[in-house]
Amino acid sequence: MLRRTILALLVGSSMVATAEAAGNLATKPTRLEVAIDKNLQFSKKEFELETGKYYRLTVESKAGDEVMFVSPELFRNAWISQIVIAGIEVHPMGGIEGIEFDEDGKVDIYFVPIRPGDFGFALKGHEARGAAGKFVVR
């Protein structure tokens, strides 16, 4: 009897959350773009994202040197559909820490954020030079 009463209270309260999605979440991604220049600075330092929305993040390196774009907290808190490098698709089974550029180029990361929060991104080893930004996921 007590279990049934507690269950009825929980079901009738705001403690029970449901997630609903109609259709394929992984279609028509919203485009995000960030470039890394020769001074190891980002063209954009903050992005506003929504949980459950599909994104295509294009990271372009124009640094002329080896750099690694990292955002491990975002990548751990998102479903990563694919990573596309020079027309080659990579389909990860888990998260990634970052993408390393050995030379100038572009990469597309397709993902759906699944948790809200502020998630930093940076050039590994260059954060002190201001090579950092954040994804604000609501």
N, C-alpha and C. Protein backbone atom coordinates (compact mmCIF):
# COMPACT_ATOMS: atom_id res chain seq x y z
N MET A 1 0.83 -1.19 0.00
CA MET A 1 0.00 0.00 0.00
C MET A 1 0.87 1.26 0.00
N LEU A 2 1.90 1.27 0.86
CA LEU A 2 2.78 2.42 0.94
C LEU A 2 3.53 2.61 -0.38
N ARG A 3 3.99 1.49 -0.98
CA ARG A 3 4.69 1.59 -2.27
C ARG A 3 3.79 2.20 -3.34
N ARG A 4 2.52 1.79 -3.36
CA ARG A 4 1.58 2.29 -4.35
C ARG A 4 1.33 3.80 -4.14
N THR A 5 1.25 4.23 -2.90
CA THR A 5 1.05 5.65 -2.58
C THR A 5 2.25 6.48 -3.01
N ILE A 6 3.46 5.99 -2.72
CA ILE A 6 4.68 6.71 -3.12
C ILE A 6 4.77 6.79 -4.63
N LEU A 7 4.49 5.68 -5.31
CA LEU A 7 4.53 5.67 -6.77
C LEU A 7 3.51 6.66 -7.34
N ALA A 8 2.31 6.69 -6.79
CA ALA A 8 1.28 7.62 -7.26
C ALA A 8 1.72 9.07 -7.06
N LEU A 9 2.36 9.35 -5.94
CA LEU A 9 2.86 10.69 -5.69
C LEU A 9 3.95 11.07 -6.68
N LEU A 10 4.87 10.14 -6.95
CA LEU A 10 5.95 10.41 -7.89
C LEU A 10 5.43 10.61 -9.30
N VAL A 11 4.53 9.76 -9.73
CA VAL A 11 3.98 9.86 -11.08
C VAL A 11 3.21 11.16 -11.25
N GLY A 12 2.51 11.57 -10.21
CA GLY A 12 1.72 12.79 -10.28
C GLY A 12 2.52 14.05 -10.03
N SER A 13 3.79 13.91 -9.62
CA SER A 13 4.60 15.09 -9.29
C SER A 13 5.48 15.49 -10.46
N SER A 14 6.17 16.58 -10.26
CA SER A 14 7.09 17.07 -11.30
C SER A 14 8.42 16.35 -11.26
N MET A 15 8.58 15.37 -10.35
CA MET A 15 9.83 14.63 -10.26
C MET A 15 10.01 13.68 -11.44
N VAL A 16 8.96 13.35 -12.13
CA VAL A 16 9.03 12.44 -13.24
C VAL A 16 9.22 13.26 -14.51
N ALA A 17 10.31 13.01 -15.20
CA ALA A 17 10.60 13.74 -16.43
C ALA A 17 10.51 12.79 -17.61
N THR A 18 10.01 13.29 -18.71
CA THR A 18 9.94 12.48 -19.92
C THR A 18 10.68 13.20 -21.03
N ALA A 19 11.24 12.42 -21.91
CA ALA A 19 11.91 12.98 -23.08
C ALA A 19 11.16 12.49 -24.31
N GLU A 20 10.82 13.41 -25.16
CA GLU A 20 10.09 13.04 -26.36
C GLU A 20 10.77 13.67 -27.57
N ALA A 21 10.89 12.89 -28.61
CA ALA A 21 11.42 13.41 -29.85
C ALA A 21 10.62 12.80 -30.99
N ALA A 22 10.20 13.63 -31.90
CA ALA A 22 9.48 13.15 -33.07
C ALA A 22 10.42 13.20 -34.26
N GLY A 23 10.78 12.06 -34.76
CA GLY A 23 11.63 12.01 -35.93
C GLY A 23 13.09 11.81 -35.61
N ASN A 24 13.91 11.98 -36.61
CA ASN A 24 15.34 11.72 -36.54
C ASN A 24 16.07 12.97 -36.05
N LEU A 25 16.71 12.88 -34.88
CA LEU A 25 17.46 14.02 -34.35
C LEU A 25 18.70 14.34 -35.19
N ALA A 26 19.22 13.35 -35.90
CA ALA A 26 20.48 13.52 -36.62
C ALA A 26 20.27 13.91 -38.08
N THR A 27 19.41 14.90 -38.33
CA THR A 27 19.23 15.43 -39.67
C THR A 27 19.27 16.95 -39.62
N LYS A 28 19.67 17.55 -40.70
CA LYS A 28 19.71 19.00 -40.85
C LYS A 28 20.42 19.69 -39.68
N PRO A 29 21.72 19.46 -39.54
CA PRO A 29 22.43 20.06 -38.41
C PRO A 29 22.56 21.57 -38.52
N THR A 30 22.57 22.22 -37.37
CA THR A 30 22.88 23.64 -37.29
C THR A 30 24.39 23.78 -37.42
N ARG A 31 24.83 24.68 -38.28
CA ARG A 31 26.26 24.85 -38.54
C ARG A 31 26.90 25.78 -37.53
N LEU A 32 28.04 25.34 -37.03
CA LEU A 32 28.90 26.15 -36.17
C LEU A 32 30.28 26.16 -36.81
N GLU A 33 30.95 27.29 -36.79
CA GLU A 33 32.27 27.36 -37.41
C GLU A 33 33.23 28.11 -36.50
N VAL A 34 34.44 27.58 -36.41
CA VAL A 34 35.50 28.25 -35.67
C VAL A 34 36.81 28.00 -36.42
N ALA A 35 37.61 29.06 -36.55
CA ALA A 35 38.91 28.96 -37.21
C ALA A 35 40.01 29.30 -36.21
N ILE A 36 41.15 28.69 -36.41
CA ILE A 36 42.34 28.95 -35.59
C ILE A 36 43.32 29.70 -36.48
N ASP A 37 43.72 30.90 -36.07
CA ASP A 37 44.63 31.68 -36.92
C ASP A 37 46.10 31.44 -36.56
N LYS A 38 46.99 32.11 -37.28
CA LYS A 38 48.44 31.96 -37.07
C LYS A 38 48.90 32.41 -35.68
N ASN A 39 48.12 33.27 -35.03
CA ASN A 39 48.44 33.71 -33.66
C ASN A 39 47.84 32.79 -32.60
N LEU A 40 47.30 31.65 -33.06
CA LEU A 40 46.66 30.66 -32.19
C LEU A 40 45.47 31.23 -31.42
N GLN A 41 44.68 32.02 -32.12
CA GLN A 41 43.45 32.59 -31.57
C GLN A 41 42.26 32.01 -32.33
N PHE A 42 41.12 31.92 -31.65
CA PHE A 42 39.90 31.42 -32.27
C PHE A 42 39.11 32.57 -32.89
N SER A 43 38.47 32.30 -34.02
CA SER A 43 37.63 33.31 -34.68
C SER A 43 36.37 33.60 -33.87
N LYS A 44 35.94 32.65 -33.05
CA LYS A 44 34.78 32.82 -32.19
C LYS A 44 35.08 32.10 -30.88
N LYS A 45 34.74 32.73 -29.77
CA LYS A 45 35.12 32.17 -28.46
C LYS A 45 33.94 31.67 -27.63
N GLU A 46 32.72 31.84 -28.10
CA GLU A 46 31.58 31.33 -27.34
C GLU A 46 30.47 30.92 -28.29
N PHE A 47 29.88 29.76 -27.99
CA PHE A 47 28.77 29.23 -28.77
C PHE A 47 27.62 28.89 -27.82
N GLU A 48 26.40 29.25 -28.20
CA GLU A 48 25.19 28.90 -27.44
C GLU A 48 24.56 27.70 -28.13
N LEU A 49 24.39 26.59 -27.38
CA LEU A 49 23.83 25.36 -27.92
C LEU A 49 22.63 24.92 -27.09
N GLU A 50 21.86 23.99 -27.65
CA GLU A 50 20.71 23.42 -26.94
C GLU A 50 20.86 21.92 -26.87
N THR A 51 20.47 21.34 -25.74
CA THR A 51 20.47 19.89 -25.66
C THR A 51 19.45 19.35 -26.65
N GLY A 52 19.75 18.18 -27.20
CA GLY A 52 18.83 17.53 -28.12
C GLY A 52 18.79 18.11 -29.52
N LYS A 53 19.66 19.05 -29.83
CA LYS A 53 19.70 19.66 -31.16
C LYS A 53 20.97 19.17 -31.87
N TYR A 54 20.88 18.93 -33.17
CA TYR A 54 21.98 18.37 -33.95
C TYR A 54 22.85 19.51 -34.49
N TYR A 55 24.17 19.37 -34.32
CA TYR A 55 25.12 20.40 -34.75
C TYR A 55 26.21 19.82 -35.63
N ARG A 56 26.71 20.67 -36.51
CA ARG A 56 27.89 20.37 -37.32
C ARG A 56 28.91 21.45 -37.00
N LEU A 57 29.94 21.07 -36.24
CA LEU A 57 31.00 22.00 -35.87
C LEU A 57 32.15 21.84 -36.86
N THR A 58 32.44 22.90 -37.59
CA THR A 58 33.59 22.91 -38.49
C THR A 58 34.72 23.64 -37.79
N VAL A 59 35.83 22.93 -37.60
CA VAL A 59 37.02 23.51 -37.02
C VAL A 59 38.04 23.60 -38.14
N GLU A 60 38.54 24.81 -38.40
CA GLU A 60 39.53 25.01 -39.45
C GLU A 60 40.81 25.56 -38.84
N SER A 61 41.89 24.88 -39.11
CA SER A 61 43.19 25.36 -38.64
C SER A 61 43.90 26.11 -39.76
N LYS A 62 44.29 27.34 -39.46
CA LYS A 62 45.12 28.16 -40.34
C LYS A 62 46.38 28.55 -39.57
N ALA A 63 46.71 27.74 -38.56
CA ALA A 63 47.80 28.05 -37.64
C ALA A 63 49.17 27.88 -38.28
N GLY A 64 49.25 27.05 -39.31
CA GLY A 64 50.54 26.81 -39.95
C GLY A 64 51.46 25.96 -39.10
N ASP A 65 50.92 25.31 -38.08
CA ASP A 65 51.72 24.50 -37.17
C ASP A 65 50.82 23.41 -36.58
N GLU A 66 51.42 22.51 -35.84
CA GLU A 66 50.67 21.44 -35.20
C GLU A 66 49.91 22.00 -34.00
N VAL A 67 48.58 21.80 -33.99
CA VAL A 67 47.73 22.24 -32.88
C VAL A 67 46.68 21.17 -32.63
N MET A 68 46.21 21.12 -31.37
CA MET A 68 45.16 20.16 -31.02
C MET A 68 43.98 20.92 -30.41
N PHE A 69 42.83 20.86 -31.09
CA PHE A 69 41.57 21.43 -30.61
C PHE A 69 40.97 20.42 -29.64
N VAL A 70 40.74 20.84 -28.39
CA VAL A 70 40.18 19.93 -27.38
C VAL A 70 38.93 20.53 -26.75
N SER A 71 38.00 19.66 -26.45
CA SER A 71 36.80 20.00 -25.68
C SER A 71 36.27 18.71 -25.05
N PRO A 72 37.08 18.09 -24.19
CA PRO A 72 36.71 16.77 -23.67
C PRO A 72 35.41 16.75 -22.89
N GLU A 73 35.09 17.82 -22.15
CA GLU A 73 33.85 17.84 -21.38
C GLU A 73 32.63 17.87 -22.30
N LEU A 74 32.67 18.68 -23.35
CA LEU A 74 31.55 18.68 -24.30
C LEU A 74 31.44 17.33 -24.97
N PHE A 75 32.56 16.80 -25.44
CA PHE A 75 32.52 15.54 -26.17
C PHE A 75 32.07 14.37 -25.29
N ARG A 76 32.32 14.44 -23.98
CA ARG A 76 31.82 13.40 -23.06
C ARG A 76 30.33 13.58 -22.78
N ASN A 77 29.81 14.76 -23.00
CA ASN A 77 28.41 15.07 -22.71
C ASN A 77 27.60 15.29 -23.98
N ALA A 78 28.00 14.61 -25.05
CA ALA A 78 27.30 14.71 -26.32
C ALA A 78 27.35 13.35 -27.01
N TRP A 79 26.36 13.11 -27.85
CA TRP A 79 26.39 11.94 -28.73
C TRP A 79 27.08 12.40 -30.00
N ILE A 80 28.19 11.77 -30.34
CA ILE A 80 28.94 12.14 -31.54
C ILE A 80 28.54 11.20 -32.66
N SER A 81 27.92 11.75 -33.68
CA SER A 81 27.45 10.98 -34.82
C SER A 81 28.60 10.57 -35.72
N GLN A 82 29.40 11.56 -36.11
CA GLN A 82 30.52 11.28 -37.00
C GLN A 82 31.50 12.44 -37.01
N ILE A 83 32.70 12.14 -37.47
CA ILE A 83 33.75 13.14 -37.69
C ILE A 83 34.17 12.97 -39.13
N VAL A 84 34.19 14.07 -39.88
CA VAL A 84 34.52 14.01 -41.30
C VAL A 84 35.80 14.79 -41.54
N ILE A 85 36.80 14.09 -42.10
CA ILE A 85 38.10 14.69 -42.40
C ILE A 85 38.41 14.39 -43.86
N ALA A 86 38.50 15.42 -44.68
CA ALA A 86 38.82 15.28 -46.10
C ALA A 86 37.92 14.24 -46.77
N GLY A 87 36.63 14.30 -46.46
CA GLY A 87 35.67 13.39 -47.08
C GLY A 87 35.63 11.99 -46.48
N ILE A 88 36.46 11.71 -45.50
CA ILE A 88 36.48 10.40 -44.85
C ILE A 88 35.70 10.52 -43.54
N GLU A 89 34.72 9.63 -43.36
CA GLU A 89 33.88 9.65 -42.17
C GLU A 89 34.43 8.70 -41.12
N VAL A 90 34.50 9.19 -39.89
CA VAL A 90 34.88 8.38 -38.73
C VAL A 90 33.66 8.32 -37.83
N HIS A 91 33.26 7.11 -37.42
CA HIS A 91 32.10 6.92 -36.56
C HIS A 91 32.56 6.38 -35.22
N PRO A 92 32.75 7.27 -34.22
CA PRO A 92 33.26 6.81 -32.93
C PRO A 92 32.20 6.04 -32.15
N MET A 93 32.66 5.08 -31.37
CA MET A 93 31.77 4.31 -30.50
C MET A 93 31.73 4.92 -29.10
N GLY A 94 32.51 5.92 -28.87
CA GLY A 94 32.55 6.58 -27.57
C GLY A 94 32.96 8.02 -27.80
N GLY A 95 33.42 8.64 -26.77
CA GLY A 95 33.81 10.04 -26.87
C GLY A 95 35.20 10.22 -27.46
N ILE A 96 35.55 11.46 -27.64
CA ILE A 96 36.89 11.84 -28.11
C ILE A 96 37.38 12.95 -27.19
N GLU A 97 38.67 13.14 -27.15
CA GLU A 97 39.23 14.26 -26.38
C GLU A 97 39.38 15.49 -27.26
N GLY A 98 39.87 15.28 -28.47
CA GLY A 98 40.09 16.40 -29.35
C GLY A 98 40.52 15.96 -30.74
N ILE A 99 40.82 16.95 -31.56
CA ILE A 99 41.24 16.74 -32.95
C ILE A 99 42.58 17.43 -33.12
N GLU A 100 43.60 16.69 -33.55
CA GLU A 100 44.92 17.27 -33.76
C GLU A 100 45.16 17.52 -35.24
N PHE A 101 45.60 18.73 -35.54
CA PHE A 101 45.96 19.12 -36.89
C PHE A 101 47.48 19.10 -36.99
N ASP A 102 48.03 18.33 -37.91
CA ASP A 102 49.47 18.36 -38.16
C ASP A 102 49.82 19.44 -39.17
N GLU A 103 48.82 19.89 -39.91
CA GLU A 103 48.97 20.97 -40.89
C GLU A 103 47.62 21.65 -41.02
N ASP A 104 47.54 22.73 -41.78
CA ASP A 104 46.29 23.44 -41.98
C ASP A 104 45.25 22.51 -42.60
N GLY A 105 44.01 22.69 -42.21
CA GLY A 105 42.93 21.86 -42.74
C GLY A 105 41.64 22.08 -41.99
N LYS A 106 40.63 21.28 -42.35
CA LYS A 106 39.30 21.39 -41.75
C LYS A 106 38.83 20.03 -41.29
N VAL A 107 37.99 20.05 -40.28
CA VAL A 107 37.31 18.84 -39.80
C VAL A 107 35.90 19.23 -39.40
N ASP A 108 34.95 18.34 -39.66
CA ASP A 108 33.56 18.54 -39.25
C ASP A 108 33.22 17.50 -38.19
N ILE A 109 32.66 17.97 -37.07
CA ILE A 109 32.24 17.09 -35.99
C ILE A 109 30.73 17.24 -35.87
N TYR A 110 30.00 16.14 -36.07
CA TYR A 110 28.55 16.13 -35.99
C TYR A 110 28.16 15.56 -34.63
N PHE A 111 27.34 16.30 -33.88
CA PHE A 111 27.02 15.85 -32.52
C PHE A 111 25.70 16.42 -32.02
N VAL A 112 25.18 15.78 -30.96
CA VAL A 112 23.99 16.24 -30.26
C VAL A 112 24.36 16.36 -28.78
N PRO A 113 24.36 17.57 -28.22
CA PRO A 113 24.61 17.71 -26.78
C PRO A 113 23.49 17.03 -25.98
N ILE A 114 23.88 16.29 -24.95
CA ILE A 114 22.87 15.58 -24.16
C ILE A 114 22.76 16.09 -22.73
N ARG A 115 23.71 16.92 -22.30
CA ARG A 115 23.65 17.50 -20.95
C ARG A 115 23.93 18.99 -21.02
N PRO A 116 23.20 19.77 -20.23
CA PRO A 116 23.48 21.21 -20.18
C PRO A 116 24.73 21.50 -19.36
N GLY A 117 25.30 22.66 -19.60
CA GLY A 117 26.46 23.10 -18.84
C GLY A 117 27.34 24.01 -19.68
N ASP A 118 28.40 24.50 -19.05
CA ASP A 118 29.41 25.31 -19.74
C ASP A 118 30.61 24.41 -19.95
N PHE A 119 30.98 24.20 -21.21
CA PHE A 119 32.06 23.28 -21.57
C PHE A 119 33.13 24.04 -22.34
N GLY A 120 34.32 24.06 -21.81
CA GLY A 120 35.40 24.79 -22.44
C GLY A 120 35.96 24.09 -23.67
N PHE A 121 36.55 24.89 -24.55
CA PHE A 121 37.36 24.36 -25.64
C PHE A 121 38.64 25.16 -25.68
N ALA A 122 39.69 24.54 -26.21
CA ALA A 122 41.00 25.20 -26.20
C ALA A 122 41.92 24.55 -27.21
N LEU A 123 43.08 25.17 -27.36
CA LEU A 123 44.19 24.55 -28.07
C LEU A 123 45.10 23.98 -26.99
N LYS A 124 45.22 22.69 -26.95
CA LYS A 124 45.97 22.02 -25.90
C LYS A 124 47.38 22.59 -25.80
N GLY A 125 47.72 23.01 -24.58
CA GLY A 125 49.04 23.57 -24.33
C GLY A 125 49.17 25.06 -24.60
N HIS A 126 48.11 25.68 -25.13
CA HIS A 126 48.16 27.11 -25.48
C HIS A 126 47.09 27.92 -24.76
N GLU A 127 46.47 27.36 -23.74
CA GLU A 127 45.38 28.05 -23.03
C GLU A 127 45.86 29.37 -22.42
N ALA A 128 47.09 29.41 -21.93
CA ALA A 128 47.62 30.63 -21.29
C ALA A 128 47.75 31.78 -22.29
N ARG A 129 47.84 31.47 -23.56
CA ARG A 129 47.94 32.50 -24.60
C ARG A 129 46.56 33.00 -25.04
N GLY A 130 45.52 32.57 -24.34
CA GLY A 130 44.17 33.00 -24.70
C GLY A 130 43.49 32.11 -25.73
N ALA A 131 44.09 30.98 -26.03
CA ALA A 131 43.53 30.07 -27.03
C ALA A 131 42.49 29.18 -26.36
N ALA A 132 41.38 29.80 -25.95
CA ALA A 132 40.31 29.08 -25.26
C ALA A 132 38.98 29.76 -25.49
N GLY A 133 37.90 29.00 -25.32
CA GLY A 133 36.55 29.50 -25.44
C GLY A 133 35.62 28.54 -24.73
N LYS A 134 34.29 28.71 -24.96
CA LYS A 134 33.36 27.80 -24.31
C LYS A 134 32.10 27.59 -25.12
N PHE A 135 31.52 26.41 -24.89
CA PHE A 135 30.21 26.04 -25.40
C PHE A 135 29.26 26.16 -24.21
N VAL A 136 28.21 26.95 -24.36
CA VAL A 136 27.20 27.09 -23.33
C VAL A 136 25.99 26.28 -23.81
N VAL A 137 25.73 25.17 -23.13
CA VAL A 137 24.66 24.26 -23.53
C VAL A 137 23.50 24.41 -22.55
N ARG A 138 22.33 24.74 -23.08
CA ARG A 138 21.11 24.89 -22.25
C ARG A 138 20.11 23.84 -22.61
